[in-house]
Amino acid sequence: MTASERLLTPGEVANLFRVDPKTVTRWATAGRIGSIRTPGGHRRFRETEVKALLTELTTEATEPVRH
């Protein structure tokens, strides 16, 4: 992680994906998205990783269905 990389809260990630923050926490627990624990035990998510996942999922959702 670079020193300048922004870390997002579960709430910020939830807003990007339009889901509940608890869903983001479940994704992290299941290993679908990487997270970092702060010294206080809170989860934080790397902005670059979150944006990459969002782009990947958005691309998959908009590709035409092939039969």
C-alpha atoms as a PDB file:
ATOM      1  CA  MET A   1       0.000   0.000   0.000  1.00  0.00           C
ATOM      2  CA  THR A   2       1.318   3.421  -0.865  1.00  0.00           C
ATOM      3  CA  ALA A   3       1.323   6.111   1.786  1.00  0.00           C
ATOM      4  CA  SER A   4      -0.996   8.253  -0.352  1.00  0.00           C
ATOM      5  CA  GLU A   5      -3.613   5.557  -0.909  1.00  0.00           C
ATOM      6  CA  ARG A   6      -6.974   6.466   0.551  1.00  0.00           C
ATOM      7  CA  LEU A   7      -8.746   4.033   2.855  1.00  0.00           C
ATOM      8  CA  LEU A   8     -12.534   3.878   2.750  1.00  0.00           C
ATOM      9  CA  THR A   9     -14.935   3.027   5.565  1.00  0.00           C
ATOM     10  CA  PRO A  10     -17.527   0.267   5.124  1.00  0.00           C
ATOM     11  CA  GLY A  11     -20.156   3.026   4.783  1.00  0.00           C
ATOM     12  CA  GLU A  12     -18.271   4.700   1.933  1.00  0.00           C
ATOM     13  CA  VAL A  13     -17.840   1.371   0.135  1.00  0.00           C
ATOM     14  CA  ALA A  14     -21.533   0.589   0.694  1.00  0.00           C
ATOM     15  CA  ASN A  15     -22.509   3.891  -0.950  1.00  0.00           C
ATOM     16  CA  LEU A  16     -20.415   3.086  -4.039  1.00  0.00           C
ATOM     17  CA  PHE A  17     -22.011  -0.359  -4.433  1.00  0.00           C
ATOM     18  CA  ARG A  18     -25.451   0.827  -3.264  1.00  0.00           C
ATOM     19  CA  VAL A  19     -25.650  -1.852  -0.568  1.00  0.00           C
ATOM     20  CA  ASP A  20     -25.915  -1.872   3.225  1.00  0.00           C
ATOM     21  CA  PRO A  21     -22.622  -1.474   5.157  1.00  0.00           C
ATOM     22  CA  LYS A  22     -23.266  -4.889   6.760  1.00  0.00           C
ATOM     23  CA  THR A  23     -23.122  -6.400   3.260  1.00  0.00           C
ATOM     24  CA  VAL A  24     -19.660  -4.904   2.766  1.00  0.00           C
ATOM     25  CA  THR A  25     -18.552  -6.429   6.073  1.00  0.00           C
ATOM     26  CA  ARG A  26     -19.902  -9.836   4.975  1.00  0.00           C
ATOM     27  CA  TRP A  27     -17.997  -9.529   1.679  1.00  0.00           C
ATOM     28  CA  ALA A  28     -14.797  -8.836   3.612  1.00  0.00           C
ATOM     29  CA  THR A  29     -15.406 -11.789   5.945  1.00  0.00           C
ATOM     30  CA  ALA A  30     -16.023 -14.042   2.929  1.00  0.00           C
ATOM     31  CA  GLY A  31     -12.865 -12.802   1.203  1.00  0.00           C
ATOM     32  CA  ARG A  32     -14.666 -11.155  -1.718  1.00  0.00           C
ATOM     33  CA  ILE A  33     -12.975  -7.850  -0.935  1.00  0.00           C
ATOM     34  CA  GLY A  34      -9.757  -7.206   0.968  1.00  0.00           C
ATOM     35  CA  SER A  35      -9.810  -5.176   4.150  1.00  0.00           C
ATOM     36  CA  ILE A  36      -7.391  -3.739   6.657  1.00  0.00           C
ATOM     37  CA  ARG A  37      -8.015  -3.504  10.385  1.00  0.00           C
ATOM     38  CA  THR A  38      -7.247  -0.254  12.160  1.00  0.00           C
ATOM     39  CA  PRO A  39      -5.603  -0.389  15.612  1.00  0.00           C
ATOM     40  CA  GLY A  40      -9.125   0.113  17.005  1.00  0.00           C
ATOM     41  CA  GLY A  41     -10.414  -2.960  15.128  1.00  0.00           C
ATOM     42  CA  HIS A  42     -12.399  -1.128  12.448  1.00  0.00           C
ATOM     43  CA  ARG A  43     -12.322  -2.302   8.840  1.00  0.00           C
ATOM     44  CA  ARG A  44     -10.949  -0.083   6.094  1.00  0.00           C
ATOM     45  CA  PHE A  45     -10.819  -0.791   2.384  1.00  0.00           C
ATOM     46  CA  ARG A  46      -8.215   0.318  -0.169  1.00  0.00           C
ATOM     47  CA  GLU A  47      -9.828   2.769  -2.574  1.00  0.00           C
ATOM     48  CA  THR A  48      -7.957   1.351  -5.599  1.00  0.00           C
ATOM     49  CA  GLU A  49      -9.124  -2.199  -4.834  1.00  0.00           C
ATOM     50  CA  VAL A  50     -12.717  -1.068  -4.300  1.00  0.00           C
ATOM     51  CA  LYS A  51     -12.773   0.924  -7.563  1.00  0.00           C
ATOM     52  CA  ALA A  52     -11.252  -2.016  -9.477  1.00  0.00           C
ATOM     53  CA  LEU A  53     -13.918  -4.389  -8.125  1.00  0.00           C
ATOM     54  CA  LEU A  54     -16.657  -1.884  -8.931  1.00  0.00           C
ATOM     55  CA  THR A  55     -15.367  -1.510 -12.499  1.00  0.00           C
ATOM     56  CA  GLU A  56     -15.125  -5.299 -12.909  1.00  0.00           C
ATOM     57  CA  LEU A  57     -18.659  -5.892 -11.642  1.00  0.00           C
ATOM     58  CA  THR A  58     -20.096  -3.006 -13.657  1.00  0.00           C
ATOM     59  CA  THR A  59     -18.425  -4.299 -16.840  1.00  0.00           C
ATOM     60  CA  GLU A  60     -19.772  -7.819 -16.235  1.00  0.00           C
ATOM     61  CA  ALA A  61     -23.262  -6.483 -15.658  1.00  0.00           C
ATOM     62  CA  THR A  62     -23.318  -4.435 -18.859  1.00  0.00           C
ATOM     63  CA  GLU A  63     -21.845  -7.036 -21.233  1.00  0.00           C
ATOM     64  CA  PRO A  64     -24.425  -8.524 -23.616  1.00  0.00           C
ATOM     65  CA  VAL A  65     -25.659 -12.005 -22.781  1.00  0.00           C
ATOM     66  CA  ARG A  66     -24.460 -14.608 -25.268  1.00  0.00           C
ATOM     67  CA  HIS A  67     -26.548 -17.735 -25.819  1.00  0.00           C
END
